[in-house]
């Protein structure tokens, strides 16, 4: 009996701690689980603030249109036009890497913004 009396303050404190944890848990957990639904951008029509990017056709683009591409200045735009005139246009976008001044790194950065329709 003396052992219980000696540990009584500890038992009381631990009991309060366990009860407090149970109350906090009960107050913070909802009865229904919360789910997050992922909706791809092209399907999200609610409050959609997406901008449709129209790819630039490198077979018909003007000098000014080509210069709107990141990394394409006047000289590279002129090289693209010269290449397409000399070769009769581009058959596929990867052919752009054959143009002087356009390497694979630059092509990778603009490939999603160009087309050869």
PDB file of N, CA and C in Angstrom:
ATOM      1  N   UNK A   1       0.801  -1.179   0.000  1.00  0.00           N
ATOM      2  CA  UNK A   1       0.000   0.000   0.000  1.00  0.00           C
ATOM      3  C   UNK A   1       0.860   1.265   0.000  1.00  0.00           C
ATOM      4  N   UNK A   2       1.990   1.193   0.694  1.00  0.00           N
ATOM      5  CA  UNK A   2       2.883   2.337   0.746  1.00  0.00           C
ATOM      6  C   UNK A   2       3.451   2.658  -0.633  1.00  0.00           C
ATOM      7  N   UNK A   3       3.638   1.625  -1.467  1.00  0.00           N
ATOM      8  CA  UNK A   3       4.187   1.842  -2.806  1.00  0.00           C
ATOM      9  C   UNK A   3       3.215   2.651  -3.655  1.00  0.00           C
ATOM     10  N   UNK A   4       1.919   2.364  -3.534  1.00  0.00           N
ATOM     11  CA  UNK A   4       0.901   3.094  -4.287  1.00  0.00           C
ATOM     12  C   UNK A   4       0.818   4.532  -3.786  1.00  0.00           C
ATOM     13  N   UNK A   5       0.865   4.715  -2.482  1.00  0.00           N
ATOM     14  CA  UNK A   5       0.812   6.061  -1.914  1.00  0.00           C
ATOM     15  C   UNK A   5       2.020   6.878  -2.347  1.00  0.00           C
ATOM     16  N   UNK A   6       3.145   6.231  -2.473  1.00  0.00           N
ATOM     17  CA  UNK A   6       4.365   6.918  -2.884  1.00  0.00           C
ATOM     18  C   UNK A   6       4.276   7.358  -4.347  1.00  0.00           C
ATOM     19  N   UNK A   7       3.644   6.552  -5.182  1.00  0.00           N
ATOM     20  CA  UNK A   7       3.538   6.845  -6.614  1.00  0.00           C
ATOM     21  C   UNK A   7       2.237   7.561  -6.986  1.00  0.00           C
ATOM     22  N   UNK A   8       1.401   7.869  -6.010  1.00  0.00           N
ATOM     23  CA  UNK A   8       0.102   8.482  -6.280  1.00  0.00           C
ATOM     24  C   UNK A   8       0.203   9.799  -7.049  1.00  0.00           C
ATOM     25  N   UNK A   9       1.091  10.707  -6.696  1.00  0.00           N
ATOM     26  CA  UNK A   9       1.186  11.951  -7.483  1.00  0.00           C
ATOM     27  C   UNK A   9       1.525  11.668  -8.963  1.00  0.00           C
ATOM     28  N   UNK A  10       2.417  10.734  -9.189  1.00  0.00           N
ATOM     29  CA  UNK A  10       2.785  10.360 -10.567  1.00  0.00           C
ATOM     30  C   UNK A  10       1.595   9.762 -11.310  1.00  0.00           C
ATOM     31  N   UNK A  11       0.845   8.890 -10.652  1.00  0.00           N
ATOM     32  CA  UNK A  11      -0.323   8.252 -11.265  1.00  0.00           C
ATOM     33  C   UNK A  11      -1.383   9.294 -11.609  1.00  0.00           C
ATOM     34  N   UNK A  12      -1.600  10.258 -10.718  1.00  0.00           N
ATOM     35  CA  UNK A  12      -2.591  11.317 -10.966  1.00  0.00           C
ATOM     36  C   UNK A  12      -2.168  12.180 -12.154  1.00  0.00           C
ATOM     37  N   UNK A  13      -0.908  12.591 -12.201  1.00  0.00           N
ATOM     38  CA  UNK A  13      -0.402  13.420 -13.302  1.00  0.00           C
ATOM     39  C   UNK A  13      -0.512  12.682 -14.633  1.00  0.00           C
ATOM     40  N   UNK A  14      -0.120  11.425 -14.647  1.00  0.00           N
ATOM     41  CA  UNK A  14      -0.198  10.629 -15.881  1.00  0.00           C
ATOM     42  C   UNK A  14      -1.649  10.432 -16.317  1.00  0.00           C
ATOM     43  N   UNK A  15      -2.552  10.269 -15.365  1.00  0.00           N
ATOM     44  CA  UNK A  15      -3.978  10.124 -15.697  1.00  0.00           C
ATOM     45  C   UNK A  15      -4.506  11.392 -16.353  1.00  0.00           C
ATOM     46  N   UNK A  16      -4.150  12.555 -15.782  1.00  0.00           N
ATOM     47  CA  UNK A  16      -4.558  13.816 -16.392  1.00  0.00           C
ATOM     48  C   UNK A  16      -3.969  13.967 -17.802  1.00  0.00           C
ATOM     49  N   UNK A  17      -2.732  13.552 -17.947  1.00  0.00           N
ATOM     50  CA  UNK A  17      -2.078  13.625 -19.253  1.00  0.00           C
ATOM     51  C   UNK A  17      -2.811  12.756 -20.284  1.00  0.00           C
ATOM     52  N   UNK A  18      -3.144  11.551 -19.926  1.00  0.00           N
ATOM     53  CA  UNK A  18      -3.845  10.630 -20.827  1.00  0.00           C
ATOM     54  C   UNK A  18      -5.223  11.179 -21.186  1.00  0.00           C
ATOM     55  N   UNK A  19      -5.940  11.696 -20.192  1.00  0.00           N
ATOM     56  CA  UNK A  19      -7.264  12.277 -20.449  1.00  0.00           C
ATOM     57  C   UNK A  19      -7.144  13.503 -21.357  1.00  0.00           C
ATOM     58  N   UNK A  20      -6.147  14.363 -21.108  1.00  0.00           N
ATOM     59  CA  UNK A  20      -5.947  15.550 -21.940  1.00  0.00           C
ATOM     60  C   UNK A  20      -5.651  15.157 -23.382  1.00  0.00           C
ATOM     61  N   UNK A  21      -4.824  14.156 -23.587  1.00  0.00           N
ATOM     62  CA  UNK A  21      -4.514  13.686 -24.949  1.00  0.00           C
ATOM     63  C   UNK A  21      -5.762  13.148 -25.639  1.00  0.00           C
ATOM     64  N   UNK A  22      -6.582  12.416 -24.897  1.00  0.00           N
ATOM     65  CA  UNK A  22      -7.810  11.868 -25.462  1.00  0.00           C
ATOM     66  C   UNK A  22      -8.769  12.988 -25.865  1.00  0.00           C
ATOM     67  N   UNK A  23      -8.883  14.021 -25.038  1.00  0.00           N
ATOM     68  CA  UNK A  23      -9.773  15.148 -25.340  1.00  0.00           C
ATOM     69  C   UNK A  23      -9.261  15.915 -26.564  1.00  0.00           C
ATOM     70  N   UNK A  24      -7.980  16.196 -26.607  1.00  0.00           N
ATOM     71  CA  UNK A  24      -7.399  16.908 -27.754  1.00  0.00           C
ATOM     72  C   UNK A  24      -7.597  16.108 -29.034  1.00  0.00           C
ATOM     73  N   UNK A  25      -7.360  14.821 -28.987  1.00  0.00           N
ATOM     74  CA  UNK A  25      -7.553  13.962 -30.158  1.00  0.00           C
ATOM     75  C   UNK A  25      -9.004  13.979 -30.605  1.00  0.00           C
ATOM     76  N   UNK A  26      -9.920  13.889 -29.676  1.00  0.00           N
ATOM     77  CA  UNK A  26     -11.350  13.879 -30.013  1.00  0.00           C
ATOM     78  C   UNK A  26     -11.778  15.200 -30.630  1.00  0.00           C
ATOM     79  N   UNK A  27     -11.208  16.306 -30.190  1.00  0.00           N
ATOM     80  CA  UNK A  27     -11.585  17.614 -30.704  1.00  0.00           C
ATOM     81  C   UNK A  27     -10.974  17.921 -32.074  1.00  0.00           C
ATOM     82  N   UNK A  28      -9.848  17.324 -32.389  1.00  0.00           N
ATOM     83  CA  UNK A  28      -9.164  17.659 -33.644  1.00  0.00           C
ATOM     84  C   UNK A  28      -9.455  16.710 -34.791  1.00  0.00           C
ATOM     85  N   UNK A  29     -10.024  15.571 -34.511  1.00  0.00           N
ATOM     86  CA  UNK A  29     -10.319  14.615 -35.575  1.00  0.00           C
ATOM     87  C   UNK A  29     -11.780  14.738 -35.964  1.00  0.00           C
ATOM     88  N   UNK A  30     -12.027  14.974 -37.250  1.00  0.00           N
ATOM     89  CA  UNK A  30     -13.403  15.012 -37.750  1.00  0.00           C
ATOM     90  C   UNK A  30     -13.897  13.586 -37.943  1.00  0.00           C
ATOM     91  N   UNK A  31     -15.200  13.440 -37.904  1.00  0.00           N
ATOM     92  CA  UNK A  31     -15.760  12.102 -38.106  1.00  0.00           C
ATOM     93  C   UNK A  31     -15.661  11.668 -39.561  1.00  0.00           C
ATOM     94  N   UNK A  32     -15.581  12.634 -40.497  1.00  0.00           N
ATOM     95  CA  UNK A  32     -15.458  12.299 -41.921  1.00  0.00           C
ATOM     96  C   UNK A  32     -14.038  12.606 -42.379  1.00  0.00           C
ATOM     97  N   UNK A  33     -13.438  11.710 -43.141  1.00  0.00           N
ATOM     98  CA  UNK A  33     -12.098  11.993 -43.652  1.00  0.00           C
ATOM     99  C   UNK A  33     -12.151  13.103 -44.697  1.00  0.00           C
ATOM    100  N   UNK A  34     -11.084  13.872 -44.794  1.00  0.00           N
ATOM    101  CA  UNK A  34     -10.992  14.946 -45.769  1.00  0.00           C
ATOM    102  C   UNK A  34     -10.198  14.459 -46.975  1.00  0.00           C
ATOM    103  N   UNK A  35     -10.746  14.682 -48.149  1.00  0.00           N
ATOM    104  CA  UNK A  35     -10.082  14.261 -49.379  1.00  0.00           C
ATOM    105  C   UNK A  35      -9.762  15.480 -50.224  1.00  0.00           C
ATOM    106  N   UNK A  36      -8.664  15.409 -50.942  1.00  0.00           N
ATOM    107  CA  UNK A  36      -8.289  16.444 -51.890  1.00  0.00           C
ATOM    108  C   UNK A  36      -8.401  15.828 -53.272  1.00  0.00           C
ATOM    109  N   UNK A  37      -9.161  16.485 -54.138  1.00  0.00           N
ATOM    110  CA  UNK A  37      -9.356  15.954 -55.485  1.00  0.00           C
ATOM    111  C   UNK A  37      -8.452  16.706 -56.432  1.00  0.00           C
ATOM    112  N   UNK A  38      -7.623  15.990 -57.179  1.00  0.00           N
ATOM    113  CA  UNK A  38      -6.733  16.584 -58.166  1.00  0.00           C
ATOM    114  C   UNK A  38      -7.465  16.700 -59.489  1.00  0.00           C
ATOM    115  N   UNK A  39      -7.474  17.897 -60.040  1.00  0.00           N
ATOM    116  CA  UNK A  39      -8.092  18.122 -61.337  1.00  0.00           C
ATOM    117  C   UNK A  39      -7.024  18.706 -62.243  1.00  0.00           C
ATOM    118  N   UNK A  40      -6.680  18.002 -63.336  1.00  0.00           N
ATOM    119  CA  UNK A  40      -5.688  18.552 -64.271  1.00  0.00           C
ATOM    120  C   UNK A  40      -6.131  19.914 -64.795  1.00  0.00           C
ATOM    121  N   UNK A  41      -5.175  20.761 -65.113  1.00  0.00           N
ATOM    122  CA  UNK A  41      -5.459  22.136 -65.523  1.00  0.00           C
ATOM    123  C   UNK A  41      -6.406  22.206 -66.712  1.00  0.00           C
ATOM    124  N   UNK A  42      -6.255  21.311 -67.687  1.00  0.00           N
ATOM    125  CA  UNK A  42      -7.102  21.389 -68.873  1.00  0.00           C
ATOM    126  C   UNK A  42      -8.555  21.014 -68.582  1.00  0.00           C
ATOM    127  N   UNK A  43      -8.806  20.358 -67.457  1.00  0.00           N
ATOM    128  CA  UNK A  43     -10.170  20.003 -67.097  1.00  0.00           C
ATOM    129  C   UNK A  43     -10.755  20.949 -66.055  1.00  0.00           C
ATOM    130  N   UNK A  44      -9.954  21.797 -65.482  1.00  0.00           N
ATOM    131  CA  UNK A  44     -10.408  22.698 -64.432  1.00  0.00           C
ATOM    132  C   UNK A  44     -11.075  23.911 -65.074  1.00  0.00           C
ATOM    133  N   UNK A  45     -12.397  23.971 -64.987  1.00  0.00           N
ATOM    134  CA  UNK A  45     -13.112  25.093 -65.575  1.00  0.00           C
ATOM    135  C   UNK A  45     -13.563  26.093 -64.521  1.00  0.00           C
ATOM    136  N   UNK A  46     -13.574  25.693 -63.251  1.00  0.00           N
ATOM    137  CA  UNK A  46     -13.934  26.604 -62.174  1.00  0.00           C
ATOM    138  C   UNK A  46     -12.773  27.536 -61.883  1.00  0.00           C
ATOM    139  N   UNK A  47     -13.041  28.820 -61.910  1.00  0.00           N
ATOM    140  CA  UNK A  47     -12.032  29.825 -61.590  1.00  0.00           C
ATOM    141  C   UNK A  47     -10.729  29.595 -62.341  1.00  0.00           C
ATOM    142  N   UNK A  48     -10.842  29.172 -63.563  1.00  0.00           N
ATOM    143  CA  UNK A  48      -9.658  28.860 -64.346  1.00  0.00           C
ATOM    144  C   UNK A  48      -9.008  30.137 -64.848  1.00  0.00           C
ATOM    145  N   UNK A  49      -7.727  30.243 -64.593  1.00  0.00           N
ATOM    146  CA  UNK A  49      -6.970  31.403 -65.042  1.00  0.00           C
ATOM    147  C   UNK A  49      -5.826  30.950 -65.935  1.00  0.00           C
ATOM    148  N   UNK A  50      -6.040  29.886 -66.690  1.00  0.00           N
ATOM    149  CA  UNK A  50      -4.993  29.379 -67.554  1.00  0.00           C
ATOM    150  C   UNK A  50      -4.989  30.151 -68.865  1.00  0.00           C
ATOM    151  N   UNK A  51      -3.840  30.193 -69.485  1.00  0.00           N
ATOM    152  CA  UNK A  51      -3.685  30.872 -70.762  1.00  0.00           C
ATOM    153  C   UNK A  51      -3.332  29.819 -71.788  1.00  0.00           C
ATOM    154  N   UNK A  52      -4.074  29.799 -72.877  1.00  0.00           N
ATOM    155  CA  UNK A  52      -3.758  28.875 -73.955  1.00  0.00           C
ATOM    156  C   UNK A  52      -2.591  29.440 -74.752  1.00  0.00           C
ATOM    157  N   UNK A  53      -1.555  28.639 -74.894  1.00  0.00           N
ATOM    158  CA  UNK A  53      -0.388  29.048 -75.655  1.00  0.00           C
ATOM    159  C   UNK A  53      -0.509  28.455 -77.045  1.00  0.00           C
ATOM    160  N   UNK A  54      -0.501  29.325 -78.041  1.00  0.00           N
ATOM    161  CA  UNK A  54      -0.573  28.874 -79.419  1.00  0.00           C
ATOM    162  C   UNK A  54       0.856  28.735 -79.923  1.00  0.00           C
ATOM    163  N   UNK A  55       1.249  27.531 -80.321  1.00  0.00           N
ATOM    164  CA  UNK A  55       2.618  27.350 -80.806  1.00  0.00           C
ATOM    165  C   UNK A  55       2.878  28.157 -82.072  1.00  0.00           C
ATOM    166  N   UNK A  56       4.097  28.592 -82.231  1.00  0.00           N
ATOM    167  CA  UNK A  56       4.506  29.347 -83.414  1.00  0.00           C
ATOM    168  C   UNK A  56       4.907  28.363 -84.496  1.00  0.00           C
ATOM    169  N   UNK A  57       4.326  28.514 -85.667  1.00  0.00           N
ATOM    170  CA  UNK A  57       4.672  27.669 -86.809  1.00  0.00           C
ATOM    171  C   UNK A  57       5.977  28.193 -87.392  1.00  0.00           C
ATOM    172  N   UNK A  58       7.047  27.433 -87.227  1.00  0.00           N
ATOM    173  CA  UNK A  58       8.357  27.907 -87.690  1.00  0.00           C
ATOM    174  C   UNK A  58       8.480  27.900 -89.213  1.00  0.00           C
ATOM    175  N   UNK A  59       7.499  27.332 -89.914  1.00  0.00           N
ATOM    176  CA  UNK A  59       7.498  27.369 -91.383  1.00  0.00           C
ATOM    177  C   UNK A  59       6.857  28.634 -91.934  1.00  0.00           C
ATOM    178  N   UNK A  60       6.077  29.331 -91.124  1.00  0.00           N
ATOM    179  CA  UNK A  60       5.383  30.529 -91.612  1.00  0.00           C
ATOM    180  C   UNK A  60       5.617  31.757 -90.753  1.00  0.00           C
ATOM    181  N   UNK A  61       6.284  31.621 -89.620  1.00  0.00           N
ATOM    182  CA  UNK A  61       6.458  32.732 -88.681  1.00  0.00           C
ATOM    183  C   UNK A  61       7.303  33.848 -89.280  1.00  0.00           C
ATOM    184  N   UNK A  62       6.924  35.067 -88.934  1.00  0.00           N
ATOM    185  CA  UNK A  62       7.703  36.229 -89.359  1.00  0.00           C
ATOM    186  C   UNK A  62       8.921  36.381 -88.451  1.00  0.00           C
ATOM    187  N   UNK A  63       9.790  37.288 -88.839  1.00  0.00           N
ATOM    188  CA  UNK A  63      10.978  37.583 -88.039  1.00  0.00           C
ATOM    189  C   UNK A  63      10.571  38.000 -86.622  1.00  0.00           C
ATOM    190  N   UNK A  64       9.559  38.842 -86.505  1.00  0.00           N
ATOM    191  CA  UNK A  64       9.101  39.331 -85.209  1.00  0.00           C
ATOM    192  C   UNK A  64       8.485  38.204 -84.379  1.00  0.00           C
ATOM    193  N   UNK A  65       7.698  37.335 -85.013  1.00  0.00           N
ATOM    194  CA  UNK A  65       7.087  36.221 -84.282  1.00  0.00           C
ATOM    195  C   UNK A  65       8.148  35.266 -83.740  1.00  0.00           C
ATOM    196  N   UNK A  66       9.164  34.981 -84.530  1.00  0.00           N
ATOM    197  CA  UNK A  66      10.235  34.090 -84.083  1.00  0.00           C
ATOM    198  C   UNK A  66      10.983  34.683 -82.894  1.00  0.00           C
ATOM    199  N   UNK A  67      11.112  35.995 -82.867  1.00  0.00           N
ATOM    200  CA  UNK A  67      11.835  36.656 -81.784  1.00  0.00           C
ATOM    201  C   UNK A  67      11.066  36.644 -80.467  1.00  0.00           C
ATOM    202  N   UNK A  68       9.808  36.255 -80.486  1.00  0.00           N
ATOM    203  CA  UNK A  68       9.058  36.142 -79.226  1.00  0.00           C
ATOM    204  C   UNK A  68       9.435  34.880 -78.464  1.00  0.00           C
ATOM    205  N   UNK A  69      10.142  33.960 -79.112  1.00  0.00           N
ATOM    206  CA  UNK A  69      10.603  32.742 -78.449  1.00  0.00           C
ATOM    207  C   UNK A  69      11.810  33.063 -77.572  1.00  0.00           C
ATOM    208  N   UNK A  70      11.860  32.494 -76.393  1.00  0.00           N
ATOM    209  CA  UNK A  70      12.975  32.732 -75.475  1.00  0.00           C
ATOM    210  C   UNK A  70      14.284  32.261 -76.112  1.00  0.00           C
ATOM    211  N   UNK A  71      15.261  33.128 -76.130  1.00  0.00           N
ATOM    212  CA  UNK A  71      16.577  32.778 -76.665  1.00  0.00           C
ATOM    213  C   UNK A  71      16.722  33.005 -78.161  1.00  0.00           C
ATOM    214  N   UNK A  72      15.661  33.445 -78.820  1.00  0.00           N
ATOM    215  CA  UNK A  72      15.732  33.712 -80.265  1.00  0.00           C
ATOM    216  C   UNK A  72      15.723  35.220 -80.463  1.00  0.00           C
ATOM    217  N   UNK A  73      16.880  35.719 -80.877  1.00  0.00           N
ATOM    218  CA  UNK A  73      16.997  37.139 -81.195  1.00  0.00           C
ATOM    219  C   UNK A  73      16.895  37.329 -82.701  1.00  0.00           C
ATOM    220  N   UNK A  74      17.259  38.492 -83.140  1.00  0.00           N
ATOM    221  CA  UNK A  74      17.138  38.817 -84.570  1.00  0.00           C
ATOM    222  C   UNK A  74      18.017  37.921 -85.443  1.00  0.00           C
ATOM    223  N   UNK A  75      19.247  37.682 -85.037  1.00  0.00           N
ATOM    224  CA  UNK A  75      20.172  36.881 -85.844  1.00  0.00           C
ATOM    225  C   UNK A  75      19.679  35.433 -85.964  1.00  0.00           C
ATOM    226  N   UNK A  76      19.282  34.834 -84.851  1.00  0.00           N
ATOM    227  CA  UNK A  76      18.785  33.453 -84.906  1.00  0.00           C
ATOM    228  C   UNK A  76      17.480  33.370 -85.698  1.00  0.00           C
ATOM    229  N   UNK A  77      16.626  34.364 -85.546  1.00  0.00           N
ATOM    230  CA  UNK A  77      15.377  34.383 -86.321  1.00  0.00           C
ATOM    231  C   UNK A  77      15.689  34.465 -87.819  1.00  0.00           C
ATOM    232  N   UNK A  78      16.665  35.278 -88.189  1.00  0.00           N
ATOM    233  CA  UNK A  78      17.069  35.372 -89.600  1.00  0.00           C
ATOM    234  C   UNK A  78      17.647  34.047 -90.088  1.00  0.00           C
ATOM    235  N   UNK A  79      18.415  33.368 -89.211  1.00  0.00           N
ATOM    236  CA  UNK A  79      18.970  32.056 -89.577  1.00  0.00           C
ATOM    237  C   UNK A  79      17.861  31.026 -89.791  1.00  0.00           C
ATOM    238  N   UNK A  80      16.811  31.075 -88.991  1.00  0.00           N
ATOM    239  CA  UNK A  80      15.686  30.145 -89.150  1.00  0.00           C
ATOM    240  C   UNK A  80      14.997  30.389 -90.485  1.00  0.00           C
ATOM    241  N   UNK A  81      14.745  31.647 -90.794  1.00  0.00           N
ATOM    242  CA  UNK A  81      14.080  31.982 -92.063  1.00  0.00           C
ATOM    243  C   UNK A  81      14.954  31.578 -93.249  1.00  0.00           C
ATOM    244  N   UNK A  82      16.256  31.843 -93.162  1.00  0.00           N
ATOM    245  CA  UNK A  82      17.173  31.470 -94.247  1.00  0.00           C
ATOM    246  C   UNK A  82      17.190  29.951 -94.439  1.00  0.00           C
ATOM    247  N   UNK A  83      17.211  29.197 -93.342  1.00  0.00           N
ATOM    248  CA  UNK A  83      17.235  27.737 -93.421  1.00  0.00           C
ATOM    249  C   UNK A  83      15.970  27.212 -94.075  1.00  0.00           C
ATOM    250  N   UNK A  84      14.809  27.715 -93.657  1.00  0.00           N
ATOM    251  CA  UNK A  84      13.550  27.199 -94.226  1.00  0.00           C
ATOM    252  C   UNK A  84      13.413  27.570 -95.694  1.00  0.00           C
ATOM    253  N   UNK A  85      13.930  28.739 -96.097  1.00  0.00           N
ATOM    254  CA  UNK A  85      13.881  29.118 -97.514  1.00  0.00           C
ATOM    255  C   UNK A  85      14.808  28.243 -98.345  1.00  0.00           C
ATOM    256  N   UNK A  86      15.975  27.932 -97.794  1.00  0.00           N
ATOM    257  CA  UNK A  86      16.958  27.102 -98.498  1.00  0.00           C
ATOM    258  C   UNK A  86      16.517  25.644 -98.597  1.00  0.00           C
ATOM    259  N   UNK A  87      15.837  25.137 -97.558  1.00  0.00           N
ATOM    260  CA  UNK A  87      15.470  23.721 -97.516  1.00  0.00           C
ATOM    261  C   UNK A  87      13.984  23.465 -97.776  1.00  0.00           C
ATOM    262  N   UNK A  88      13.242  24.481 -98.093  1.00  0.00           N
ATOM    263  CA  UNK A  88      11.823  24.288 -98.385  1.00  0.00           C
ATOM    264  C   UNK A  88      10.965  24.077 -97.150  1.00  0.00           C
ATOM    265  N   UNK A  89      11.414  24.553 -96.030  1.00  0.00           N
ATOM    266  CA  UNK A  89      10.635  24.427 -94.802  1.00  0.00           C
ATOM    267  C   UNK A  89      11.130  23.298 -93.926  1.00  0.00           C
ATOM    268  N   UNK A  90      10.545  23.217 -92.750  1.00  0.00           N
ATOM    269  CA  UNK A  90      10.892  22.196 -91.773  1.00  0.00           C
ATOM    270  C   UNK A  90       9.877  21.065 -91.843  1.00  0.00           C
ATOM    271  N   UNK A  91      10.342  19.841 -91.824  1.00  0.00           N
ATOM    272  CA  UNK A  91       9.438  18.689 -91.814  1.00  0.00           C
ATOM    273  C   UNK A  91       9.019  18.331 -90.391  1.00  0.00           C
ATOM    274  N   UNK A  92       9.901  18.581 -89.435  1.00  0.00           N
ATOM    275  CA  UNK A  92       9.635  18.288 -88.030  1.00  0.00           C
ATOM    276  C   UNK A  92      10.395  19.298 -87.184  1.00  0.00           C
ATOM    277  N   UNK A  93       9.927  19.532 -85.965  1.00  0.00           N
ATOM    278  CA  UNK A  93      10.510  20.605 -85.155  1.00  0.00           C
ATOM    279  C   UNK A  93      11.959  20.333 -84.766  1.00  0.00           C
ATOM    280  N   UNK A  94      12.326  19.067 -84.632  1.00  0.00           N
ATOM    281  CA  UNK A  94      13.707  18.725 -84.245  1.00  0.00           C
ATOM    282  C   UNK A  94      14.718  19.177 -85.288  1.00  0.00           C
ATOM    283  N   UNK A  95      14.252  19.389 -86.504  1.00  0.00           N
ATOM    284  CA  UNK A  95      15.134  19.862 -87.575  1.00  0.00           C
ATOM    285  C   UNK A  95      15.666  21.261 -87.278  1.00  0.00           C
ATOM    286  N   UNK A  96      15.024  21.957 -86.372  1.00  0.00           N
ATOM    287  CA  UNK A  96      15.458  23.300 -85.990  1.00  0.00           C
ATOM    288  C   UNK A  96      16.886  23.299 -85.442  1.00  0.00           C
ATOM    289  N   UNK A  97      17.321  22.161 -84.893  1.00  0.00           N
ATOM    290  CA  UNK A  97      18.690  22.094 -84.349  1.00  0.00           C
ATOM    291  C   UNK A  97      19.744  22.140 -85.452  1.00  0.00           C
ATOM    292  N   UNK A  98      19.318  22.006 -86.706  1.00  0.00           N
ATOM    293  CA  UNK A  98      20.248  22.108 -87.834  1.00  0.00           C
ATOM    294  C   UNK A  98      20.557  23.560 -88.187  1.00  0.00           C
ATOM    295  N   UNK A  99      19.792  24.493 -87.631  1.00  0.00           N
ATOM    296  CA  UNK A  99      19.982  25.918 -87.890  1.00  0.00           C
ATOM    297  C   UNK A  99      21.163  26.415 -87.075  1.00  0.00           C
ATOM    298  N   UNK A 100      21.998  27.225 -87.695  1.00  0.00           N
ATOM    299  CA  UNK A 100      23.164  27.790 -87.031  1.00  0.00           C
ATOM    300  C   UNK A 100      22.747  28.602 -85.807  1.00  0.00           C
ATOM    301  N   UNK A 101      23.357  28.307 -84.660  1.00  0.00           N
ATOM    302  CA  UNK A 101      23.083  29.037 -83.433  1.00  0.00           C
ATOM    303  C   UNK A 101      22.012  28.411 -82.561  1.00  0.00           C
ATOM    304  N   UNK A 102      21.423  27.302 -83.008  1.00  0.00           N
ATOM    305  CA  UNK A 102      20.388  26.649 -82.203  1.00  0.00           C
ATOM    306  C   UNK A 102      20.871  25.253 -81.841  1.00  0.00           C
ATOM    307  N   UNK A 103      21.243  25.095 -80.590  1.00  0.00           N
ATOM    308  CA  UNK A 103      21.711  23.808 -80.107  1.00  0.00           C
ATOM    309  C   UNK A 103      20.602  23.057 -79.389  1.00  0.00           C
ATOM    310  N   UNK A 104      20.961  21.929 -78.840  1.00  0.00           N
ATOM    311  CA  UNK A 104      19.955  21.085 -78.187  1.00  0.00           C
ATOM    312  C   UNK A 104      19.369  21.739 -76.939  1.00  0.00           C
ATOM    313  N   UNK A 105      20.162  22.499 -76.192  1.00  0.00           N
ATOM    314  CA  UNK A 105      19.647  23.149 -74.979  1.00  0.00           C
ATOM    315  C   UNK A 105      18.600  24.209 -75.325  1.00  0.00           C
ATOM    316  N   UNK A 106      18.887  25.021 -76.317  1.00  0.00           N
ATOM    317  CA  UNK A 106      17.923  26.037 -76.734  1.00  0.00           C
ATOM    318  C   UNK A 106      16.683  25.376 -77.306  1.00  0.00           C
ATOM    319  N   UNK A 107      16.872  24.334 -78.116  1.00  0.00           N
ATOM    320  CA  UNK A 107      15.719  23.627 -78.679  1.00  0.00           C
ATOM    321  C   UNK A 107      14.831  23.069 -77.571  1.00  0.00           C
ATOM    322  N   UNK A 108      15.424  22.457 -76.545  1.00  0.00           N
ATOM    323  CA  UNK A 108      14.648  21.894 -75.432  1.00  0.00           C
ATOM    324  C   UNK A 108      13.824  22.969 -74.728  1.00  0.00           C
ATOM    325  N   UNK A 109      14.355  24.183 -74.660  1.00  0.00           N
ATOM    326  CA  UNK A 109      13.635  25.240 -73.951  1.00  0.00           C
ATOM    327  C   UNK A 109      12.477  25.821 -74.755  1.00  0.00           C
ATOM    328  N   UNK A 110      12.477  25.633 -76.085  1.00  0.00           N
ATOM    329  CA  UNK A 110      11.412  26.223 -76.910  1.00  0.00           C
ATOM    330  C   UNK A 110      10.536  25.195 -77.617  1.00  0.00           C
ATOM    331  N   UNK A 111      10.853  23.920 -77.531  1.00  0.00           N
ATOM    332  CA  UNK A 111      10.149  22.907 -78.316  1.00  0.00           C
ATOM    333  C   UNK A 111       8.650  22.843 -78.041  1.00  0.00           C
ATOM    334  N   UNK A 112       8.226  23.211 -76.835  1.00  0.00           N
ATOM    335  CA  UNK A 112       6.799  23.195 -76.511  1.00  0.00           C
ATOM    336  C   UNK A 112       6.057  24.409 -77.056  1.00  0.00           C
ATOM    337  N   UNK A 113       6.784  25.336 -77.637  1.00  0.00           N
ATOM    338  CA  UNK A 113       6.180  26.572 -78.128  1.00  0.00           C
ATOM    339  C   UNK A 113       6.247  26.692 -79.640  1.00  0.00           C
ATOM    340  N   UNK A 114       6.674  25.636 -80.316  1.00  0.00           N
ATOM    341  CA  UNK A 114       6.791  25.679 -81.779  1.00  0.00           C
ATOM    342  C   UNK A 114       6.078  24.500 -82.422  1.00  0.00           C
ATOM    343  N   UNK A 115       5.761  24.670 -83.698  1.00  0.00           N
ATOM    344  CA  UNK A 115       5.122  23.615 -84.473  1.00  0.00           C
ATOM    345  C   UNK A 115       5.552  23.753 -85.927  1.00  0.00           C
ATOM    346  N   UNK A 116       5.244  22.751 -86.746  1.00  0.00           N
ATOM    347  CA  UNK A 116       5.540  22.797 -88.189  1.00  0.00           C
ATOM    348  C   UNK A 116       4.290  22.464 -89.002  1.00  0.00           C
ATOM    349  N   UNK A 117       3.144  22.823 -88.532  1.00  0.00           N
ATOM    350  CA  UNK A 117       1.884  22.495 -89.209  1.00  0.00           C
ATOM    351  C   UNK A 117       1.874  22.972 -90.636  1.00  0.00           C
TER     352      UNK A 117
END
